[in-house]
């Protein structure tokens, strides 16, 4: 009996999810295709039915919630409403949350894999650029003008979120890591025009409610 049409899509998704977790945990170079396929409950031989190469898979893994509606994280207890006009502060708080910090396997790949990307071919670097650009566009939608070009501020905010999480994960002392996350979150919210109460400087709500509990936990 032939497989349903959805079978190929589901299997490909399992491979991508397995690769994301393994790459995030161990790095691109250290993970074999056999390990990726085993993590998906499949044999090595079936890999090339779905991907041309490990680099091709890598490009797919670089997708995240900014570009892939089927990506199942944000992280446990953290929600981001990408359709909201006030999505900017939600993204900042989610990205720099304790939950994202601790959930390495389900990390946004822009945090876990940038060094590998910089050493990879053009396709992987373009995939990284696509995700970063999507993050900037999401932030820009609810960015306060502040007399500066909104895209410039959004780009700086996105870079601060990504870089802040990378450095936080790199240091040994957890207290220092938490302080770094908090500092980056505070500055990112400030340059975005969002104050501590989740309101912009013009007094309009930024829609913090979906992240209130998670943000409080992440700031500890």
N, C-alpha and C. Protein backbone atom coordinates (compact mmCIF):
# COMPACT_ATOMS: atom_id res chain seq x y z
N UNK A 1 0.85 -1.19 0.00
CA UNK A 1 0.00 0.00 0.00
C UNK A 1 0.89 1.25 0.00
N UNK A 2 0.67 2.19 -0.94
CA UNK A 2 1.51 3.39 -0.99
C UNK A 2 1.27 4.29 0.21
N UNK A 3 2.30 5.05 0.54
CA UNK A 3 2.18 6.01 1.64
C UNK A 3 1.29 7.17 1.23
N UNK A 4 0.58 7.78 2.16
CA UNK A 4 -0.21 8.97 1.83
C UNK A 4 0.71 10.12 1.43
N UNK A 5 0.14 11.11 0.77
CA UNK A 5 0.92 12.24 0.27
C UNK A 5 1.64 12.97 1.39
N UNK A 6 1.05 12.95 2.58
CA UNK A 6 1.64 13.67 3.71
C UNK A 6 2.86 12.97 4.31
N UNK A 7 3.08 11.72 3.92
CA UNK A 7 4.16 10.93 4.53
C UNK A 7 5.53 11.56 4.28
N UNK A 8 5.80 11.96 3.06
CA UNK A 8 7.10 12.54 2.73
C UNK A 8 7.35 13.82 3.53
N UNK A 9 6.33 14.64 3.64
CA UNK A 9 6.46 15.89 4.39
C UNK A 9 6.77 15.60 5.85
N UNK A 10 6.07 14.62 6.42
CA UNK A 10 6.26 14.28 7.83
C UNK A 10 7.66 13.71 8.08
N UNK A 11 8.12 12.83 7.19
CA UNK A 11 9.45 12.24 7.36
C UNK A 11 10.54 13.31 7.25
N UNK A 12 10.39 14.19 6.28
CA UNK A 12 11.36 15.28 6.13
C UNK A 12 11.39 16.15 7.38
N UNK A 13 10.24 16.42 7.93
CA UNK A 13 10.16 17.22 9.16
C UNK A 13 10.88 16.52 10.31
N UNK A 14 10.72 15.20 10.42
CA UNK A 14 11.40 14.45 11.48
C UNK A 14 12.91 14.54 11.33
N UNK A 15 13.40 14.47 10.12
CA UNK A 15 14.84 14.57 9.88
C UNK A 15 15.34 15.96 10.28
N UNK A 16 14.61 16.99 9.88
CA UNK A 16 15.01 18.36 10.21
C UNK A 16 15.00 18.57 11.72
N UNK A 17 13.97 18.09 12.40
CA UNK A 17 13.89 18.25 13.85
C UNK A 17 15.03 17.52 14.55
N UNK A 18 15.36 16.30 14.07
CA UNK A 18 16.47 15.56 14.64
C UNK A 18 17.78 16.30 14.43
N UNK A 19 17.99 16.80 13.23
CA UNK A 19 19.23 17.52 12.92
C UNK A 19 19.35 18.79 13.74
N UNK A 20 18.25 19.51 13.89
CA UNK A 20 18.29 20.76 14.67
C UNK A 20 18.76 20.49 16.10
N UNK A 21 18.18 19.49 16.73
CA UNK A 21 18.55 19.17 18.11
C UNK A 21 20.02 18.76 18.22
N UNK A 22 20.45 17.91 17.29
CA UNK A 22 21.83 17.42 17.35
C UNK A 22 22.83 18.52 17.00
N UNK A 23 22.53 19.31 15.97
CA UNK A 23 23.43 20.40 15.59
C UNK A 23 23.52 21.43 16.71
N UNK A 24 22.39 21.76 17.31
CA UNK A 24 22.38 22.73 18.40
C UNK A 24 23.21 22.24 19.59
N UNK A 25 23.14 20.95 19.86
CA UNK A 25 23.82 20.39 21.02
C UNK A 25 25.31 20.17 20.76
N UNK A 26 25.66 19.68 19.55
CA UNK A 26 27.02 19.23 19.31
C UNK A 26 27.77 19.99 18.21
N UNK A 27 27.05 20.81 17.43
CA UNK A 27 27.69 21.50 16.31
C UNK A 27 27.55 20.72 15.01
N UNK A 28 27.62 21.44 13.93
CA UNK A 28 27.40 20.85 12.61
C UNK A 28 28.45 19.79 12.27
N UNK A 29 29.72 20.11 12.48
CA UNK A 29 30.79 19.22 12.06
C UNK A 29 30.82 17.93 12.86
N UNK A 30 30.38 17.96 14.10
CA UNK A 30 30.52 16.80 14.99
C UNK A 30 29.40 15.77 14.84
N UNK A 31 28.38 16.10 14.09
CA UNK A 31 27.22 15.22 13.97
C UNK A 31 27.23 14.52 12.61
N UNK A 32 27.06 13.21 12.61
CA UNK A 32 27.04 12.45 11.36
C UNK A 32 25.61 12.29 10.85
N UNK A 33 25.49 12.01 9.57
CA UNK A 33 24.16 11.76 8.99
C UNK A 33 23.52 10.53 9.61
N UNK A 34 24.33 9.54 9.97
CA UNK A 34 23.80 8.35 10.63
C UNK A 34 23.12 8.73 11.94
N UNK A 35 23.75 9.62 12.70
CA UNK A 35 23.16 10.08 13.96
C UNK A 35 21.86 10.86 13.72
N UNK A 36 21.87 11.70 12.69
CA UNK A 36 20.66 12.47 12.37
C UNK A 36 19.50 11.54 12.03
N UNK A 37 19.76 10.58 11.18
CA UNK A 37 18.70 9.67 10.75
C UNK A 37 18.23 8.78 11.90
N UNK A 38 19.17 8.35 12.73
CA UNK A 38 18.78 7.53 13.89
C UNK A 38 17.89 8.34 14.82
N UNK A 39 18.20 9.61 14.99
CA UNK A 39 17.37 10.47 15.83
C UNK A 39 15.97 10.63 15.30
N UNK A 40 15.82 10.48 13.99
CA UNK A 40 14.51 10.57 13.35
C UNK A 40 13.83 9.21 13.25
N UNK A 41 14.50 8.16 13.76
CA UNK A 41 13.94 6.80 13.69
C UNK A 41 14.03 6.20 12.30
N UNK A 42 15.07 6.60 11.54
CA UNK A 42 15.22 6.15 10.16
C UNK A 42 16.63 5.61 9.94
N UNK A 43 16.83 4.96 8.80
CA UNK A 43 18.15 4.44 8.45
C UNK A 43 18.90 5.44 7.58
N UNK A 44 20.22 5.33 7.61
CA UNK A 44 21.08 6.26 6.88
C UNK A 44 20.75 6.28 5.40
N UNK A 45 20.43 5.13 4.84
CA UNK A 45 20.23 5.03 3.41
C UNK A 45 19.12 5.89 2.85
N UNK A 46 18.15 6.27 3.68
CA UNK A 46 17.03 7.05 3.19
C UNK A 46 17.28 8.54 3.13
N UNK A 47 18.45 8.98 3.62
CA UNK A 47 18.70 10.42 3.71
C UNK A 47 18.61 11.11 2.36
N UNK A 48 19.22 10.53 1.35
CA UNK A 48 19.33 11.21 0.06
C UNK A 48 18.02 11.20 -0.74
N UNK A 49 17.01 10.57 -0.19
CA UNK A 49 15.68 10.69 -0.77
C UNK A 49 15.10 12.07 -0.48
N UNK A 50 15.60 12.70 0.57
CA UNK A 50 15.02 13.96 1.04
C UNK A 50 15.96 15.16 0.90
N UNK A 51 17.28 14.91 0.93
CA UNK A 51 18.24 16.01 0.88
C UNK A 51 19.40 15.62 -0.03
N UNK A 52 19.97 16.62 -0.68
CA UNK A 52 21.09 16.36 -1.58
C UNK A 52 22.39 16.17 -0.82
N UNK A 53 22.53 16.82 0.32
CA UNK A 53 23.77 16.77 1.07
C UNK A 53 23.52 17.21 2.51
N UNK A 54 24.52 17.07 3.34
CA UNK A 54 24.44 17.55 4.72
C UNK A 54 24.28 19.07 4.74
N UNK A 55 24.95 19.76 3.81
CA UNK A 55 24.81 21.22 3.74
C UNK A 55 23.39 21.62 3.35
N UNK A 56 22.77 20.84 2.49
CA UNK A 56 21.38 21.09 2.10
C UNK A 56 20.47 20.97 3.32
N UNK A 57 20.68 19.94 4.11
CA UNK A 57 19.93 19.77 5.36
C UNK A 57 20.19 20.94 6.30
N UNK A 58 21.42 21.37 6.38
CA UNK A 58 21.81 22.48 7.24
C UNK A 58 21.02 23.74 6.93
N UNK A 59 20.85 24.02 5.64
CA UNK A 59 20.08 25.19 5.23
C UNK A 59 18.64 25.10 5.72
N UNK A 60 18.07 23.90 5.70
CA UNK A 60 16.70 23.71 6.17
C UNK A 60 16.62 23.88 7.69
N UNK A 61 17.63 23.40 8.40
CA UNK A 61 17.65 23.49 9.85
C UNK A 61 17.68 24.94 10.31
N UNK A 62 18.24 25.82 9.51
CA UNK A 62 18.38 27.22 9.91
C UNK A 62 17.05 27.96 9.98
N UNK A 63 15.99 27.35 9.49
CA UNK A 63 14.68 27.97 9.66
C UNK A 63 14.29 28.00 11.12
N UNK A 64 13.49 28.98 11.53
CA UNK A 64 12.99 29.01 12.90
C UNK A 64 11.65 29.72 12.90
N UNK A 65 11.17 30.11 14.06
CA UNK A 65 9.79 30.57 14.14
C UNK A 65 9.54 31.85 13.37
N UNK A 66 10.59 32.54 12.95
CA UNK A 66 10.40 33.74 12.13
C UNK A 66 10.05 33.40 10.68
N UNK A 67 10.43 32.20 10.25
CA UNK A 67 10.25 31.84 8.84
C UNK A 67 9.48 30.54 8.63
N UNK A 68 9.30 29.75 9.67
CA UNK A 68 8.70 28.42 9.52
C UNK A 68 7.48 28.30 10.43
N UNK A 69 6.27 28.35 9.88
CA UNK A 69 5.07 28.28 10.72
C UNK A 69 4.91 26.95 11.46
N UNK A 70 5.64 25.92 11.02
CA UNK A 70 5.55 24.62 11.67
C UNK A 70 6.60 24.42 12.75
N UNK A 71 7.45 25.42 12.96
CA UNK A 71 8.46 25.29 14.00
C UNK A 71 7.78 25.34 15.35
N UNK A 72 8.01 24.35 16.19
CA UNK A 72 7.17 24.15 17.36
C UNK A 72 7.63 24.92 18.60
N UNK A 73 8.77 25.50 18.59
CA UNK A 73 9.15 26.37 19.69
C UNK A 73 8.81 27.78 19.22
N UNK A 74 8.31 28.70 19.97
CA UNK A 74 9.02 29.21 21.13
C UNK A 74 9.13 28.13 22.20
N UNK A 75 9.60 28.57 23.31
CA UNK A 75 10.03 27.63 24.31
C UNK A 75 8.95 27.46 25.36
N UNK A 76 9.01 26.37 26.11
CA UNK A 76 7.96 26.01 27.04
C UNK A 76 7.61 27.19 27.95
N UNK A 77 6.34 27.56 27.94
CA UNK A 77 5.89 28.66 28.76
C UNK A 77 6.06 30.03 28.12
N UNK A 78 6.61 30.06 26.90
CA UNK A 78 6.86 31.33 26.21
C UNK A 78 6.08 31.34 24.90
N UNK A 79 5.28 32.37 24.71
CA UNK A 79 4.48 32.48 23.49
C UNK A 79 4.76 33.81 22.82
N UNK A 80 4.79 33.78 21.50
CA UNK A 80 4.94 35.00 20.72
C UNK A 80 3.85 35.01 19.66
N UNK A 81 3.07 36.08 19.61
CA UNK A 81 2.02 36.22 18.61
C UNK A 81 2.59 37.03 17.45
N UNK A 82 3.05 36.33 16.41
CA UNK A 82 3.68 37.00 15.28
C UNK A 82 2.71 37.86 14.49
N UNK A 83 1.42 37.66 14.69
CA UNK A 83 0.43 38.47 13.97
C UNK A 83 0.14 39.78 14.70
N UNK A 84 0.63 39.93 15.91
CA UNK A 84 0.35 41.11 16.71
C UNK A 84 1.13 42.32 16.18
N UNK A 85 0.51 43.47 16.22
CA UNK A 85 1.21 44.69 15.86
C UNK A 85 2.23 45.10 16.89
N UNK A 86 2.15 44.49 18.07
CA UNK A 86 3.07 44.78 19.16
C UNK A 86 3.99 43.59 19.44
N UNK A 87 4.41 42.95 18.37
CA UNK A 87 5.19 41.73 18.52
C UNK A 87 6.63 42.00 18.96
N UNK A 88 7.14 43.20 18.72
CA UNK A 88 8.54 43.49 19.01
C UNK A 88 9.00 43.15 20.41
N UNK A 89 8.37 43.70 21.46
CA UNK A 89 8.82 43.37 22.82
C UNK A 89 8.59 41.90 23.18
N UNK A 90 7.59 41.28 22.57
CA UNK A 90 7.39 39.85 22.80
C UNK A 90 8.60 39.06 22.32
N UNK A 91 9.10 39.40 21.13
CA UNK A 91 10.25 38.70 20.57
C UNK A 91 11.49 38.92 21.43
N UNK A 92 11.73 40.15 21.85
CA UNK A 92 12.90 40.45 22.68
C UNK A 92 12.87 39.63 23.96
N UNK A 93 11.73 39.64 24.65
CA UNK A 93 11.63 38.91 25.92
C UNK A 93 11.72 37.40 25.71
N UNK A 94 11.13 36.91 24.64
CA UNK A 94 11.19 35.47 24.37
C UNK A 94 12.62 35.05 24.03
N UNK A 95 13.25 35.81 23.18
CA UNK A 95 14.58 35.43 22.71
C UNK A 95 15.60 35.42 23.83
N UNK A 96 15.48 36.36 24.75
CA UNK A 96 16.43 36.47 25.85
C UNK A 96 15.89 35.85 27.14
N UNK A 97 14.89 35.02 27.02
CA UNK A 97 14.26 34.40 28.19
C UNK A 97 15.13 33.29 28.79
N UNK A 98 14.85 32.99 30.04
CA UNK A 98 15.51 31.84 30.68
C UNK A 98 15.19 30.56 29.95
N UNK A 99 13.95 30.43 29.47
CA UNK A 99 13.54 29.21 28.79
C UNK A 99 14.38 28.97 27.53
N UNK A 100 14.59 30.01 26.74
CA UNK A 100 15.42 29.85 25.54
C UNK A 100 16.85 29.53 25.94
N UNK A 101 17.36 30.19 26.95
CA UNK A 101 18.72 29.94 27.43
C UNK A 101 18.92 28.47 27.79
N UNK A 102 17.95 27.89 28.46
CA UNK A 102 18.10 26.53 28.97
C UNK A 102 17.77 25.46 27.94
N UNK A 103 16.94 25.76 26.96
CA UNK A 103 16.50 24.75 25.99
C UNK A 103 17.44 24.75 24.78
N UNK A 104 18.63 24.20 24.97
CA UNK A 104 19.66 24.25 23.94
C UNK A 104 19.23 23.48 22.69
N UNK A 105 18.64 22.31 22.87
CA UNK A 105 18.30 21.48 21.72
C UNK A 105 17.28 22.15 20.80
N UNK A 106 16.39 22.94 21.38
CA UNK A 106 15.37 23.62 20.58
C UNK A 106 15.68 25.10 20.40
N UNK A 107 16.95 25.43 20.51
CA UNK A 107 17.37 26.82 20.37
C UNK A 107 17.12 27.33 18.96
N UNK A 108 16.93 28.64 18.87
CA UNK A 108 16.96 29.25 17.54
C UNK A 108 18.34 28.99 16.96
N UNK A 109 18.43 28.47 15.74
CA UNK A 109 19.73 28.10 15.18
C UNK A 109 20.65 29.29 14.94
N UNK A 110 20.12 30.51 14.93
CA UNK A 110 21.00 31.66 14.79
C UNK A 110 21.89 31.83 16.01
N UNK A 111 21.46 31.31 17.16
CA UNK A 111 22.27 31.36 18.37
C UNK A 111 23.27 30.22 18.40
N UNK A 112 22.84 29.02 18.05
CA UNK A 112 23.67 27.84 18.22
C UNK A 112 24.69 27.65 17.11
N UNK A 113 24.42 28.16 15.92
CA UNK A 113 25.22 27.77 14.77
C UNK A 113 25.94 28.88 14.00
N UNK A 114 26.07 30.10 14.48
CA UNK A 114 26.64 31.15 13.63
C UNK A 114 28.08 30.91 13.21
N UNK A 115 28.90 30.32 14.08
CA UNK A 115 30.29 30.06 13.71
C UNK A 115 30.36 29.03 12.61
N UNK A 116 29.55 27.98 12.72
CA UNK A 116 29.50 26.98 11.66
C UNK A 116 29.03 27.60 10.36
N UNK A 117 28.05 28.48 10.45
CA UNK A 117 27.51 29.12 9.24
C UNK A 117 28.59 29.92 8.54
N UNK A 118 29.38 30.66 9.30
CA UNK A 118 30.40 31.52 8.71
C UNK A 118 31.47 30.72 7.96
N UNK A 119 31.61 29.44 8.32
CA UNK A 119 32.59 28.58 7.64
C UNK A 119 31.96 27.75 6.54
N UNK A 120 30.66 27.87 6.37
CA UNK A 120 29.95 27.03 5.41
C UNK A 120 29.85 27.72 4.06
N UNK A 121 29.19 27.04 3.13
CA UNK A 121 29.03 27.56 1.80
C UNK A 121 27.99 28.66 1.73
N UNK A 122 27.80 29.19 0.54
CA UNK A 122 26.90 30.32 0.35
C UNK A 122 25.46 29.99 0.70
N UNK A 123 25.02 28.77 0.41
CA UNK A 123 23.62 28.43 0.65
C UNK A 123 23.27 28.51 2.13
N UNK A 124 24.17 28.04 2.98
CA UNK A 124 23.93 28.10 4.43
C UNK A 124 23.95 29.54 4.91
N UNK A 125 24.90 30.33 4.42
CA UNK A 125 24.98 31.73 4.84
C UNK A 125 23.76 32.51 4.38
N UNK A 126 23.27 32.20 3.20
CA UNK A 126 22.05 32.87 2.71
C UNK A 126 20.85 32.47 3.55
N UNK A 127 20.80 31.20 3.98
CA UNK A 127 19.70 30.76 4.84
C UNK A 127 19.74 31.50 6.17
N UNK A 128 20.93 31.66 6.73
CA UNK A 128 21.08 32.43 7.97
C UNK A 128 20.61 33.87 7.75
N UNK A 129 21.03 34.46 6.65
CA UNK A 129 20.64 35.85 6.35
C UNK A 129 19.13 35.98 6.21
N UNK A 130 18.50 34.98 5.62
CA UNK A 130 17.04 35.01 5.45
C UNK A 130 16.33 35.03 6.80
N UNK A 131 16.80 34.18 7.72
CA UNK A 131 16.18 34.13 9.05
C UNK A 131 16.43 35.43 9.81
N UNK A 132 17.66 35.94 9.73
CA UNK A 132 17.97 37.19 10.42
C UNK A 132 17.13 38.34 9.87
N UNK A 133 17.00 38.40 8.56
CA UNK A 133 16.20 39.45 7.94
C UNK A 133 14.74 39.35 8.35
N UNK A 134 14.24 38.11 8.47
CA UNK A 134 12.86 37.91 8.92
C UNK A 134 12.68 38.39 10.34
N UNK A 135 13.66 38.13 11.21
CA UNK A 135 13.59 38.61 12.59
C UNK A 135 13.58 40.13 12.63
N UNK A 136 14.43 40.76 11.83
CA UNK A 136 14.47 42.22 11.76
C UNK A 136 13.12 42.77 11.33
N UNK A 137 12.52 42.16 10.32
CA UNK A 137 11.23 42.62 9.81
C UNK A 137 10.13 42.51 10.87
N UNK A 138 10.16 41.40 11.64
CA UNK A 138 9.18 41.23 12.72
C UNK A 138 9.34 42.32 13.76
N UNK A 139 10.57 42.60 14.16
CA UNK A 139 10.82 43.64 15.15
C UNK A 139 10.42 45.01 14.62
N UNK A 140 10.70 45.26 13.38
CA UNK A 140 10.46 46.57 12.79
C UNK A 140 8.99 46.94 12.79
N UNK A 141 8.11 45.93 12.72
CA UNK A 141 6.68 46.21 12.64
C UNK A 141 6.17 47.01 13.84
N UNK A 142 6.77 46.79 15.00
CA UNK A 142 6.29 47.50 16.19
C UNK A 142 7.39 48.36 16.81
N UNK A 143 8.36 48.73 15.99
CA UNK A 143 9.47 49.54 16.48
C UNK A 143 9.09 51.00 16.54
N UNK A 144 9.48 51.66 17.63
CA UNK A 144 9.23 53.09 17.78
C UNK A 144 10.26 53.87 16.97
N UNK A 145 9.83 54.96 16.36
CA UNK A 145 10.69 55.71 15.46
C UNK A 145 11.90 56.32 16.18
N UNK A 146 11.64 57.07 17.25
CA UNK A 146 12.72 57.68 18.02
C UNK A 146 13.65 58.55 17.18
N UNK A 147 13.15 59.09 16.10
CA UNK A 147 13.96 59.97 15.28
C UNK A 147 15.02 59.27 14.46
N UNK A 148 15.04 57.92 14.47
CA UNK A 148 16.02 57.17 13.70
C UNK A 148 15.30 56.20 12.77
N UNK A 149 15.96 55.78 11.72
CA UNK A 149 15.33 54.81 10.81
C UNK A 149 14.94 53.56 11.57
N UNK A 150 13.71 53.11 11.41
CA UNK A 150 13.25 51.95 12.16
C UNK A 150 14.06 50.71 11.84
N UNK A 151 14.46 50.52 10.61
CA UNK A 151 15.17 49.30 10.26
C UNK A 151 16.55 49.25 10.92
N UNK A 152 17.20 50.39 11.04
CA UNK A 152 18.49 50.43 11.72
C UNK A 152 18.35 49.97 13.17
N UNK A 153 17.33 50.46 13.84
CA UNK A 153 17.10 50.08 15.24
C UNK A 153 16.73 48.60 15.33
N UNK A 154 15.90 48.14 14.41
CA UNK A 154 15.50 46.73 14.42
C UNK A 154 16.69 45.81 14.18
N UNK A 155 17.58 46.20 13.27
CA UNK A 155 18.77 45.39 13.02
C UNK A 155 19.66 45.31 14.25
N UNK A 156 19.85 46.45 14.91
CA UNK A 156 20.68 46.46 16.12
C UNK A 156 20.04 45.64 17.23
N UNK A 157 18.72 45.71 17.35
CA UNK A 157 18.02 44.96 18.39
C UNK A 157 18.13 43.46 18.14
N UNK A 158 17.95 43.05 16.90
CA UNK A 158 18.07 41.63 16.56
C UNK A 158 19.48 41.12 16.85
N UNK A 159 20.49 41.90 16.47
CA UNK A 159 21.87 41.49 16.72
C UNK A 159 22.15 41.40 18.21
N UNK A 160 21.58 42.32 19.00
CA UNK A 160 21.78 42.29 20.44
C UNK A 160 21.13 41.05 21.06
N UNK A 161 19.95 40.69 20.59
CA UNK A 161 19.27 39.50 21.12
C UNK A 161 20.09 38.24 20.83
N UNK A 162 20.54 38.11 19.59
CA UNK A 162 21.30 36.93 19.20
C UNK A 162 22.65 36.90 19.92
N UNK A 163 23.37 38.01 19.85
CA UNK A 163 24.69 38.07 20.49
C UNK A 163 24.61 37.92 21.99
N UNK A 164 23.60 38.52 22.60
CA UNK A 164 23.45 38.41 24.04
C UNK A 164 23.24 36.97 24.48
N UNK A 165 22.45 36.21 23.71
CA UNK A 165 22.24 34.81 24.07
C UNK A 165 23.49 33.98 23.82
N UNK A 166 24.23 34.27 22.77
CA UNK A 166 25.47 33.54 22.50
C UNK A 166 26.47 33.73 23.64
N UNK A 167 26.68 34.98 24.05
CA UNK A 167 27.64 35.25 25.13
C UNK A 167 27.16 34.65 26.44
N UNK A 168 25.86 34.74 26.72
CA UNK A 168 25.32 34.18 27.96
C UNK A 168 25.56 32.68 28.03
N UNK A 169 25.43 32.00 26.91
CA UNK A 169 25.65 30.55 26.90
C UNK A 169 27.13 30.20 26.95
N UNK A 170 27.98 31.15 26.63
CA UNK A 170 29.42 30.87 26.57
C UNK A 170 30.08 30.95 27.94
N UNK A 171 29.62 31.88 28.79
CA UNK A 171 30.26 32.04 30.10
C UNK A 171 29.92 30.87 31.02
N UNK A 172 30.76 30.65 32.01
CA UNK A 172 30.59 29.52 32.93
C UNK A 172 29.64 29.85 34.07
N UNK A 173 29.78 31.03 34.62
CA UNK A 173 29.02 31.43 35.81
C UNK A 173 27.58 31.74 35.42
N UNK A 174 26.63 30.97 35.98
CA UNK A 174 25.23 31.15 35.62
C UNK A 174 24.73 32.53 36.04
N UNK A 175 25.20 33.04 37.17
CA UNK A 175 24.76 34.37 37.60
C UNK A 175 25.19 35.44 36.60
N UNK A 176 26.40 35.31 36.09
CA UNK A 176 26.87 36.24 35.07
C UNK A 176 26.04 36.11 33.80
N UNK A 177 25.72 34.87 33.43
CA UNK A 177 24.91 34.64 32.23
C UNK A 177 23.54 35.30 32.37
N UNK A 178 22.93 35.14 33.53
CA UNK A 178 21.61 35.75 33.75
C UNK A 178 21.70 37.27 33.73
N UNK A 179 22.75 37.82 34.30
CA UNK A 179 22.93 39.26 34.28
C UNK A 179 23.09 39.78 32.86
N UNK A 180 23.82 39.04 32.04
CA UNK A 180 24.01 39.43 30.64
C UNK A 180 22.68 39.43 29.89
N UNK A 181 21.88 38.39 30.10
CA UNK A 181 20.57 38.34 29.43
C UNK A 181 19.71 39.51 29.86
N UNK A 182 19.68 39.77 31.15
CA UNK A 182 18.86 40.86 31.67
C UNK A 182 19.32 42.21 31.11
N UNK A 183 20.64 42.40 31.04
CA UNK A 183 21.17 43.66 30.54
C UNK A 183 20.81 43.85 29.07
N UNK A 184 20.98 42.80 28.27
CA UNK A 184 20.65 42.89 26.85
C UNK A 184 19.16 43.12 26.65
N UNK A 185 18.34 42.45 27.46
CA UNK A 185 16.90 42.63 27.35
C UNK A 185 16.50 44.06 27.67
N UNK A 186 17.08 44.61 28.74
CA UNK A 186 16.74 45.97 29.15
C UNK A 186 17.12 46.99 28.07
N UNK A 187 18.33 46.84 27.52
CA UNK A 187 18.79 47.79 26.51
C UNK A 187 18.02 47.63 25.21
N UNK A 188 17.74 46.38 24.82
CA UNK A 188 16.98 46.14 23.59
C UNK A 188 15.58 46.74 23.69
N UNK A 189 14.93 46.57 24.85
CA UNK A 189 13.61 47.15 25.04
C UNK A 189 13.68 48.68 25.05
N UNK A 190 14.77 49.20 25.59
CA UNK A 190 14.92 50.66 25.64
C UNK A 190 15.11 51.25 24.25
N UNK A 191 16.01 50.68 23.45
CA UNK A 191 16.24 51.25 22.13
C UNK A 191 15.06 51.01 21.20
N UNK A 192 14.26 50.00 21.53
CA UNK A 192 13.04 49.77 20.76
C UNK A 192 11.92 50.71 21.12
N UNK A 193 12.07 51.41 22.25
CA UNK A 193 11.04 52.34 22.68
C UNK A 193 10.01 51.74 23.61
N UNK A 194 10.31 50.56 24.20
CA UNK A 194 9.37 49.89 25.08
C UNK A 194 9.87 50.00 26.51
N UNK A 195 9.04 50.53 27.42
CA UNK A 195 9.48 50.67 28.80
C UNK A 195 9.21 49.39 29.57
N UNK A 196 9.54 49.40 30.85
CA UNK A 196 9.48 48.17 31.67
C UNK A 196 8.07 47.67 31.88
N UNK A 197 7.08 48.51 31.73
CA UNK A 197 5.70 48.10 31.96
C UNK A 197 5.07 47.52 30.70
N UNK A 198 5.89 47.36 29.63
CA UNK A 198 5.34 46.80 28.40
C UNK A 198 4.57 47.81 27.60
N UNK A 199 4.85 49.12 27.83
CA UNK A 199 4.21 50.16 27.05
C UNK A 199 5.26 50.96 26.30
N UNK A 200 4.91 51.38 25.12
CA UNK A 200 5.83 52.20 24.36
C UNK A 200 5.85 53.60 24.95
N UNK A 201 6.79 54.42 24.52
CA UNK A 201 6.92 55.76 25.07
C UNK A 201 5.76 56.67 24.71
N UNK A 202 4.96 56.25 23.75
CA UNK A 202 3.77 57.05 23.44
C UNK A 202 2.56 56.59 24.24
N UNK A 203 2.79 55.62 25.16
CA UNK A 203 1.74 55.20 26.08
C UNK A 203 0.88 54.06 25.59
N UNK A 204 1.10 53.58 24.37
CA UNK A 204 0.29 52.48 23.85
C UNK A 204 0.82 51.15 24.36
N UNK A 205 -0.14 50.22 24.56
CA UNK A 205 0.25 48.90 25.04
C UNK A 205 1.08 48.18 23.99
N UNK A 206 2.10 47.42 24.44
CA UNK A 206 2.92 46.63 23.54
C UNK A 206 2.51 45.18 23.52
N UNK A 207 1.41 44.84 24.14
CA UNK A 207 0.93 43.47 24.08
C UNK A 207 1.78 42.50 24.87
N UNK A 208 2.24 42.92 26.04
CA UNK A 208 3.11 42.06 26.83
C UNK A 208 2.38 40.88 27.43
N UNK A 209 1.07 40.94 27.55
CA UNK A 209 0.32 39.92 28.30
C UNK A 209 0.67 38.50 27.95
N UNK A 210 0.80 38.10 26.66
CA UNK A 210 1.09 36.71 26.36
C UNK A 210 2.40 36.23 26.94
N UNK A 211 3.32 37.16 27.27
CA UNK A 211 4.62 36.75 27.77
C UNK A 211 4.86 37.14 29.22
N UNK A 212 3.83 37.66 29.90
CA UNK A 212 4.07 38.23 31.22
C UNK A 212 4.70 37.22 32.18
N UNK A 213 4.10 36.05 32.30
CA UNK A 213 4.62 35.07 33.25
C UNK A 213 5.99 34.57 32.83
N UNK A 214 6.14 34.30 31.54
CA UNK A 214 7.41 33.78 31.06
C UNK A 214 8.52 34.81 31.17
N UNK A 215 8.20 36.06 30.88
CA UNK A 215 9.21 37.10 30.95
C UNK A 215 9.67 37.30 32.40
N UNK A 216 8.72 37.24 33.32
CA UNK A 216 9.08 37.38 34.73
C UNK A 216 10.03 36.25 35.15
N UNK A 217 9.72 35.04 34.68
CA UNK A 217 10.59 33.91 35.00
C UNK A 217 11.95 34.07 34.35
N UNK A 218 11.95 34.54 33.10
CA UNK A 218 13.21 34.66 32.37
C UNK A 218 14.09 35.73 32.93
N UNK A 219 13.52 36.72 33.60
CA UNK A 219 14.33 37.81 34.12
C UNK A 219 14.99 37.47 35.45
N UNK A 220 14.60 36.36 36.04
CA UNK A 220 15.17 35.98 37.33
C UNK A 220 16.56 35.40 37.15
